[in-house]
Every structure is written in structure tokens, then in C-alpha cells.
Amino acid sequence: MNWFFQQARCAAHNSRDVPSLNRDSFSPPSPSWLASNLLDLPLPVKYEELQREIMMSLKADHFEGGRFDFNKQLNQNFFLSHSLCLGSIEVPAQGNQIIKIPNPTYEFGANVVDTKFMLVGRVLTDGRMSGRLKYDLTNALSTKLQTSKEPGFSQVMVDLDFKGTDTQAQIKLGNGQFYGINYLQSVTNTLSLGGEGFWLGGQKKSGVGFAARYADDKTVATGQVATTGLVSLTYTTKVSEKAMLASDFMWNCNARQAQASVGYDYILRQSRLRGRIDNSGTVSAFFEERLNAGFTLCLSAEIDHANKNHKFGFGMTVGE
């Protein structure tokens, strides 16, 4: 608590609203003044979105082959989407060789969006299905149901989210006797601290993690450490209004393995270019160009020099 009282004394000394300190008179700051000047902290991001800047800059949706997406808005609340992908699946072979087998897929999606709820569903021709329902109970409480099914595997997850003035918390329940909880609290205008814990009853596993996030107008830095042996660090910074540089590092103490990558994110008026390179020698780039209202061109490229594998894709999106 020392830092709190030091900030209170410094703020009181510099403020015009608080009488100056002298030997003859002293008027302590009022509780309302302290609340408005010291406790007015910003709302942090959700714990699961702690690294959202890195995900947007370094984790582009790379694909191989051809892809065509068509989005149609039927009314103000109902949207349909169609996606055709002419890609392939990779099958490992001897001598670090990879065999690619053509695997075209079609995906149909439906979205219902309202002021208090959102319903999203997806179904693919290869047997995969997914759905998500989000409902706002109050201004501070919301619940979310996520389901997914694919051949040989299915998953159900229920989340209860709490949003305060300067804190975010979440409780998670899932199949396989999964229980989880996370919490993130703003401690200053730029720093947020939090933690998470989970219990997987089916496998008798548990874990606890701690996280910190620093964010100002140009820089976002995060750090996470967990009892499962994972350490994660990320850093993004704006070098100009259009360019951003990003890097991430992950260390698995149990497996003695490390992963690191650096990249860039360049946003122009009608286009966006993202690229990255990691410690395994994989180089990737993702380009999006808005040709016209409702028409977007996508180019994807990824080259894995170590495994002599490459992926190139061309896509078109019609509709917003």
C-alpha cells in the first residue's frame, strides 16, 4: 500500500484543488477527489484476449490453394456466409517428406446478431460443425456457449463473464470435467495484472498461471508464466501510423523447447500486409487488398525452409 499513499501525497501536492502543505494547516484530499483522480482506472481486456495484438499481427489466417468467401446480409440481424476452399491436407512421409492430398471443402455459416445476444453456426462438408451463443444477462454479466464436433472428437464449453469498471473475470466449464477461472485487474492506467487456474478432472491435471499486460498509445507488452512449464512473452509497437512491429517468445520448460518469431503489420488505406519469420526458418506473408466496396483480394504465402514445404493461396471475399 506504500505506493498508493505516495501517489496520494504527490497528487495532493501538485493539484490546485488541494490546499498546499505547510506547518500551520493541512487539509487532506476528499474521498471523492481520490476516487476521481487515483481510482479511475481503465477497463482491461479479457484474459483470453491478453495477446490479441500479436494474434492480429503475427497469426494471420494462412491457407493453401484457392478460397472463395461470399457473405450475404438478409436483414439487419441475419447474415449468411458461404466458403469454398480448394486446398489440401498434409500427410507425413519418410525422410521428412510431406505428401499433399487434395481436399476441397465447403462451409456454410449463419449468424444472428441482436443487441443482447449473438448466435453463430458453421457446418463443413468434411463433417465438422461448430456453434457459439453469447447472451448479455446484464451490463456486467454475460454468458457464452461454444460447441464443436468433428470426426472422433467433440467439445462443449460454457463461459460466464463479469465486466467491472476496471476488472474482467471469467468462469469456464467444459466437458471432460474441465473447470477454469481467470481474472485481470487494472492497477495503473497502463498496467494490468491477473491470473488463471484450471482443473481437468478426466486427466487429473491442474495448473495455475499469472499474467501481466502493459499497454499505452504505441506499445503493448505481455508476459505469462504457468505451472505447466510454459513461459510466454509478446511485444508490439507502432513505429508509425501505418506500420507496426511485433515479436513473441514461448519457452516450454518441460520439453526444453523454445519458439520465437518477429513480424510486421503494415496497414494502408485499402490494403494490409502482414509478414513474419520464426526461429525454425519459416517465412510467411499475408496480403489483403480492398478492390471495391464488398470485394477483397487475399494472397497467402508460407515457406518452411527446414522441411522444404511451401504453401501458396489465392482468395476472394465478396460481401462485408
Protein backbone atom coordinates (compact mmCIF):
# COMPACT_ATOMS: atom_id res chain seq x y z
CA MET A 1 0.00 0.00 0.00
CA ASN A 2 3.01 2.34 0.25
CA TRP A 3 2.84 3.18 -3.46
CA PHE A 4 -0.83 4.18 -3.05
CA PHE A 5 -0.16 6.68 -0.25
CA GLN A 6 2.90 8.02 -2.07
CA GLN A 7 0.79 8.69 -5.16
CA ALA A 8 -1.89 10.30 -2.99
CA ARG A 9 0.63 12.63 -1.34
CA CYS A 10 2.29 13.54 -4.66
CA ALA A 11 -1.05 14.15 -6.37
CA ALA A 12 -2.27 16.24 -3.46
CA HIS A 13 0.92 18.30 -3.54
CA ASN A 14 0.62 19.04 -7.26
CA SER A 15 -3.12 19.56 -7.51
CA ARG A 16 -4.67 23.01 -7.50
CA ASP A 17 -7.78 21.66 -5.77
CA VAL A 18 -5.94 20.54 -2.66
CA PRO A 19 -4.56 23.14 -0.22
CA SER A 20 -0.78 23.44 -0.11
CA LEU A 21 1.06 21.64 2.68
CA ASN A 22 2.59 23.73 5.43
CA ARG A 23 3.22 23.54 9.16
CA ASP A 24 0.22 25.62 10.13
CA SER A 25 -2.59 23.96 8.17
CA PHE A 26 -3.22 20.68 6.40
CA SER A 27 -6.41 19.67 4.62
CA PRO A 28 -6.39 16.04 3.42
CA PRO A 29 -7.85 15.30 -0.01
CA SER A 30 -11.50 14.36 -0.01
CA PRO A 31 -12.57 10.76 -0.81
CA SER A 32 -14.36 11.96 -3.97
CA TRP A 33 -11.17 13.68 -5.19
CA LEU A 34 -9.14 10.50 -4.57
CA ALA A 35 -11.73 8.34 -6.34
CA SER A 36 -11.84 10.58 -9.41
CA ASN A 37 -8.06 11.08 -9.69
CA LEU A 38 -6.50 7.87 -8.37
CA LEU A 39 -9.10 5.14 -8.76
CA ASP A 40 -10.39 5.98 -12.24
CA LEU A 41 -8.63 3.04 -13.91
CA PRO A 42 -9.40 1.81 -17.44
CA LEU A 43 -11.16 -1.45 -18.21
CA PRO A 44 -8.60 -4.13 -19.17
CA VAL A 45 -9.04 -6.62 -21.98
CA LYS A 46 -10.37 -10.09 -21.30
CA TYR A 47 -7.81 -12.57 -20.04
CA GLU A 48 -8.26 -14.76 -23.10
CA GLU A 49 -7.60 -11.68 -25.30
CA LEU A 50 -4.37 -10.80 -23.49
CA GLN A 51 -2.32 -11.27 -26.68
CA ARG A 52 -4.85 -10.02 -29.22
CA GLU A 53 -2.40 -7.59 -30.88
CA ILE A 54 0.05 -10.43 -31.53
CA MET A 55 -2.73 -12.66 -32.83
CA MET A 56 -3.82 -9.97 -35.28
CA SER A 57 -0.30 -9.14 -36.49
CA LEU A 58 1.62 -12.45 -36.44
CA LYS A 59 -1.13 -15.08 -36.64
CA ALA A 60 -2.72 -14.42 -40.00
CA ASP A 61 -5.21 -16.92 -41.44
CA HIS A 62 -2.84 -18.59 -43.91
CA PHE A 63 -4.28 -21.03 -46.40
CA GLU A 64 -3.20 -23.06 -49.43
CA GLY A 65 -4.84 -23.29 -52.83
CA GLY A 66 -7.91 -21.31 -53.77
CA ARG A 67 -10.54 -19.85 -51.45
CA PHE A 68 -13.76 -18.01 -52.19
CA ASP A 69 -15.92 -16.43 -49.47
CA PHE A 70 -19.36 -14.96 -50.02
CA ASN A 71 -21.18 -13.06 -47.26
CA LYS A 72 -24.83 -12.07 -47.59
CA GLN A 73 -26.85 -9.87 -45.24
CA LEU A 74 -30.53 -10.82 -45.41
CA ASN A 75 -31.70 -8.23 -42.90
CA GLN A 76 -30.36 -6.13 -40.06
CA ASN A 77 -29.91 -9.14 -37.76
CA PHE A 78 -29.42 -12.16 -40.03
CA PHE A 79 -26.30 -12.95 -42.09
CA LEU A 80 -25.31 -15.94 -44.22
CA SER A 81 -21.82 -16.97 -45.32
CA HIS A 82 -20.51 -19.43 -47.88
CA SER A 83 -16.88 -20.50 -48.16
CA LEU A 84 -15.31 -22.76 -50.77
CA CYS A 85 -11.72 -23.87 -50.21
CA LEU A 86 -9.74 -25.81 -52.82
CA GLY A 87 -6.90 -26.81 -50.53
CA SER A 88 -5.11 -29.97 -49.47
CA ILE A 89 -4.20 -31.95 -46.38
CA GLU A 90 -0.61 -32.85 -45.47
CA VAL A 91 0.40 -36.43 -44.75
CA PRO A 92 3.89 -37.06 -43.28
CA ALA A 93 6.11 -39.42 -45.24
CA GLN A 94 9.58 -40.90 -44.81
CA GLY A 95 12.64 -38.67 -44.77
CA ASN A 96 10.82 -35.56 -43.55
CA GLN A 97 8.85 -35.53 -46.78
CA ILE A 98 5.26 -34.30 -46.89
CA ILE A 99 2.62 -35.63 -49.26
CA LYS A 100 -0.24 -33.27 -50.09
CA ILE A 101 -3.62 -34.77 -50.91
CA PRO A 102 -6.29 -32.52 -52.48
CA ASN A 103 -9.14 -31.90 -50.06
CA PRO A 104 -11.77 -29.41 -51.25
CA THR A 105 -14.28 -28.31 -48.61
CA TYR A 106 -17.40 -26.18 -48.47
CA GLU A 107 -18.52 -24.30 -45.36
CA PHE A 108 -21.94 -22.85 -44.68
CA GLY A 109 -22.48 -20.37 -41.88
CA ALA A 110 -25.36 -18.48 -40.34
CA ASN A 111 -25.14 -15.52 -37.94
CA VAL A 112 -27.88 -13.90 -35.90
CA VAL A 113 -26.90 -10.66 -34.16
CA ASP A 114 -29.06 -8.65 -31.78
CA THR A 115 -28.45 -6.02 -29.13
CA LYS A 116 -28.32 -8.62 -26.32
CA PHE A 117 -27.33 -11.87 -27.99
CA MET A 118 -25.33 -13.35 -30.87
CA LEU A 119 -25.71 -16.79 -32.45
CA VAL A 120 -23.13 -18.20 -34.87
CA GLY A 121 -23.16 -21.62 -36.57
CA ARG A 122 -20.83 -23.36 -39.03
CA VAL A 123 -21.02 -26.71 -40.85
CA LEU A 124 -18.47 -28.18 -43.29
CA THR A 125 -18.69 -30.97 -45.84
CA ASP A 126 -15.92 -32.95 -44.08
CA GLY A 127 -18.15 -33.50 -41.04
CA ARG A 128 -17.02 -30.64 -38.81
CA MET A 129 -19.57 -28.46 -37.06
CA SER A 130 -19.33 -25.58 -34.60
CA GLY A 131 -21.67 -23.20 -32.85
CA ARG A 132 -21.49 -20.28 -30.46
CA LEU A 133 -24.13 -18.46 -28.46
CA LYS A 134 -23.44 -15.28 -26.48
CA TYR A 135 -26.08 -13.61 -24.33
CA ASP A 136 -25.79 -10.47 -22.20
CA LEU A 137 -27.60 -11.06 -18.91
CA THR A 138 -26.85 -7.56 -17.56
CA ASN A 139 -24.40 -4.79 -18.36
CA ALA A 140 -21.82 -6.58 -16.19
CA LEU A 141 -22.67 -10.27 -16.74
CA SER A 142 -22.75 -12.29 -19.95
CA THR A 143 -22.74 -15.97 -20.76
CA LYS A 144 -21.34 -17.86 -23.74
CA LEU A 145 -21.85 -21.39 -25.04
CA GLN A 146 -19.40 -22.89 -27.52
CA THR A 147 -19.70 -26.30 -29.16
CA SER A 148 -17.65 -28.07 -31.80
CA LYS A 149 -17.76 -31.52 -33.33
CA GLU A 150 -15.50 -33.31 -35.75
CA PRO A 151 -14.92 -36.99 -36.53
CA GLY A 152 -13.72 -38.65 -33.32
CA PHE A 153 -13.86 -35.53 -31.14
CA SER A 154 -16.42 -33.17 -29.64
CA GLN A 155 -16.23 -30.28 -27.20
CA VAL A 156 -18.66 -28.18 -25.17
CA MET A 157 -17.64 -25.06 -23.21
CA VAL A 158 -19.75 -22.69 -21.11
CA ASP A 159 -18.36 -19.30 -20.01
CA LEU A 160 -19.66 -16.77 -17.52
CA ASP A 161 -18.05 -13.35 -17.96
CA PHE A 162 -18.01 -10.49 -15.47
CA LYS A 163 -17.09 -6.95 -16.55
CA GLY A 164 -16.47 -4.33 -13.88
CA THR A 165 -15.22 -0.79 -14.18
CA ASP A 166 -11.54 -1.80 -14.02
CA THR A 167 -11.60 -5.60 -13.99
CA GLN A 168 -12.55 -8.61 -16.12
CA ALA A 169 -13.26 -12.10 -14.75
CA GLN A 170 -14.42 -15.37 -16.27
CA ILE A 171 -15.56 -18.82 -15.13
CA LYS A 172 -15.30 -21.72 -17.60
CA LEU A 173 -16.97 -25.15 -17.54
CA GLY A 174 -16.37 -27.81 -20.17
CA ASN A 175 -16.77 -31.48 -20.94
CA GLY A 176 -14.10 -33.83 -19.66
CA GLN A 177 -14.63 -32.34 -16.19
CA PHE A 178 -12.90 -29.10 -17.13
CA TYR A 179 -13.16 -26.17 -14.70
CA GLY A 180 -11.37 -22.88 -15.17
CA ILE A 181 -11.27 -19.35 -13.80
CA ASN A 182 -9.34 -16.22 -14.77
CA TYR A 183 -9.13 -12.64 -13.57
CA LEU A 184 -7.48 -9.45 -14.86
CA GLN A 185 -7.25 -6.19 -12.90
CA SER A 186 -6.00 -2.75 -13.91
CA VAL A 187 -3.53 -1.48 -11.32
CA THR A 188 -2.48 1.66 -13.22
CA ASN A 189 -3.59 3.38 -16.41
CA THR A 190 -1.17 1.23 -18.43
CA LEU A 191 -0.57 -1.93 -16.36
CA SER A 192 -2.91 -4.87 -15.76
CA LEU A 193 -2.18 -7.93 -13.60
CA GLY A 194 -4.10 -11.17 -13.35
CA GLY A 195 -4.06 -14.91 -13.08
CA GLU A 196 -5.86 -18.08 -14.07
CA GLY A 197 -6.37 -21.62 -12.85
CA PHE A 198 -7.86 -24.80 -14.28
CA TRP A 199 -8.67 -28.36 -13.30
CA LEU A 200 -9.08 -31.18 -15.81
CA GLY A 201 -10.73 -33.97 -13.86
CA GLY A 202 -10.67 -36.51 -16.67
CA GLN A 203 -6.87 -36.43 -16.80
CA LYS A 204 -6.26 -35.42 -13.17
CA LYS A 205 -4.34 -32.33 -14.24
CA SER A 206 -4.36 -28.81 -12.86
CA GLY A 207 -2.48 -25.59 -13.48
CA VAL A 208 -2.12 -22.03 -12.28
CA GLY A 209 -0.87 -19.10 -14.33
CA PHE A 210 -0.05 -15.44 -13.84
CA ALA A 211 -0.03 -12.66 -16.41
CA ALA A 212 0.91 -9.01 -16.83
CA ARG A 213 -0.02 -6.63 -19.64
CA TYR A 214 1.39 -3.18 -20.34
CA ALA A 215 -0.37 -1.03 -22.92
CA ASP A 216 -0.01 2.62 -23.87
CA ASP A 217 -0.70 4.57 -27.06
CA LYS A 218 2.12 2.88 -29.03
CA THR A 219 3.33 -0.19 -27.18
CA VAL A 220 1.74 -3.40 -25.88
CA ALA A 221 3.81 -5.93 -23.92
CA THR A 222 2.56 -9.07 -22.20
CA GLY A 223 4.09 -11.78 -20.06
CA GLN A 224 2.64 -15.07 -18.89
CA VAL A 225 4.00 -17.89 -16.75
CA ALA A 226 2.23 -21.10 -15.72
CA THR A 227 2.90 -24.10 -13.51
CA THR A 228 2.54 -26.29 -16.61
CA GLY A 229 6.03 -25.11 -17.60
CA LEU A 230 5.09 -22.53 -20.22
CA VAL A 231 6.54 -19.02 -20.37
CA SER A 232 5.22 -16.58 -22.97
CA LEU A 233 6.37 -13.05 -23.83
CA THR A 234 4.99 -10.74 -26.53
CA TYR A 235 5.79 -7.21 -27.67
CA THR A 236 4.17 -4.95 -30.26
CA THR A 237 4.94 -1.33 -31.04
CA LYS A 238 3.72 1.25 -33.55
CA VAL A 239 6.61 2.75 -35.48
CA SER A 240 4.21 4.97 -37.45
CA GLU A 241 0.51 5.43 -38.02
CA LYS A 242 0.58 2.70 -40.66
CA ALA A 243 3.32 0.29 -39.52
CA MET A 244 3.61 -1.97 -36.51
CA LEU A 245 6.39 -4.34 -35.44
CA ALA A 246 5.72 -7.42 -33.32
CA SER A 247 7.61 -10.28 -31.69
CA ASP A 248 6.76 -13.22 -29.47
CA PHE A 249 8.66 -15.83 -27.48
CA MET A 250 7.48 -19.07 -25.88
CA TRP A 251 9.52 -21.42 -23.70
CA ASN A 252 8.40 -24.92 -22.67
CA CYS A 253 10.44 -25.76 -19.61
CA ASN A 254 9.32 -29.39 -19.52
CA ALA A 255 10.13 -30.16 -23.16
CA ARG A 256 13.13 -27.80 -23.27
CA GLN A 257 11.82 -26.21 -26.45
CA ALA A 258 11.60 -22.57 -27.44
CA GLN A 259 9.73 -20.77 -30.20
CA ALA A 260 10.28 -17.18 -31.28
CA SER A 261 9.15 -15.03 -34.17
CA VAL A 262 9.25 -11.44 -35.37
CA GLY A 263 6.98 -9.75 -37.85
CA TYR A 264 5.39 -6.61 -39.21
CA ASP A 265 1.90 -5.31 -39.87
CA TYR A 266 1.55 -2.56 -42.48
CA ILE A 267 -1.90 -1.00 -42.98
CA LEU A 268 -2.64 1.28 -45.94
CA ARG A 269 -5.86 2.98 -46.93
CA GLN A 270 -7.25 -0.01 -48.86
CA SER A 271 -4.76 -2.80 -48.18
CA ARG A 272 -2.94 -4.60 -45.39
CA LEU A 273 0.33 -6.55 -45.47
CA ARG A 274 1.50 -8.86 -42.67
CA GLY A 275 4.64 -10.97 -42.51
CA ARG A 276 6.69 -12.97 -40.04
CA ILE A 277 9.74 -15.20 -39.66
CA ASP A 278 10.34 -17.66 -36.83
CA ASN A 279 13.33 -19.47 -35.37
CA SER A 280 12.64 -22.61 -37.43
CA GLY A 281 13.22 -20.68 -40.66
CA THR A 282 9.56 -20.46 -41.70
CA VAL A 283 8.78 -17.25 -43.59
CA SER A 284 5.20 -16.15 -44.26
CA ALA A 285 3.30 -13.21 -45.69
CA PHE A 286 -0.38 -12.35 -45.96
CA PHE A 287 -1.74 -9.59 -48.20
CA GLU A 288 -5.28 -8.18 -48.34
CA GLU A 289 -6.44 -5.61 -50.90
CA ARG A 290 -9.87 -3.98 -50.93
CA LEU A 291 -10.58 -3.67 -54.65
CA ASN A 292 -14.00 -2.14 -54.30
CA ALA A 293 -16.87 -1.94 -51.84
CA GLY A 294 -17.59 -5.56 -50.95
CA PHE A 295 -14.65 -7.08 -52.88
CA THR A 296 -11.41 -8.10 -51.14
CA LEU A 297 -8.42 -9.92 -52.65
CA CYS A 298 -6.25 -12.17 -50.43
CA LEU A 299 -2.80 -13.59 -51.15
CA SER A 300 -1.16 -16.02 -48.72
CA ALA A 301 2.38 -17.47 -48.78
CA GLU A 302 4.33 -19.59 -46.33
CA ILE A 303 7.71 -21.27 -46.87
CA ASP A 304 9.22 -23.76 -44.44
CA HIS A 305 12.87 -23.99 -45.46
CA ALA A 306 13.78 -26.68 -42.91
CA ASN A 307 11.13 -29.16 -44.10
CA LYS A 308 11.17 -27.99 -47.73
CA ASN A 309 7.46 -27.26 -47.60
CA HIS A 310 5.63 -24.32 -49.12
CA LYS A 311 2.06 -23.06 -49.20
CA PHE A 312 0.58 -20.52 -51.58
CA GLY A 313 -3.01 -19.38 -51.68
CA PHE A 314 -5.25 -17.03 -53.63
CA GLY A 315 -8.60 -15.91 -52.25
CA MET A 316 -11.51 -13.59 -52.93
CA THR A 317 -14.11 -12.30 -50.49
CA VAL A 318 -17.42 -10.88 -51.71
CA GLY A 319 -19.62 -9.05 -49.25
CA GLU A 320 -18.94 -7.37 -45.94
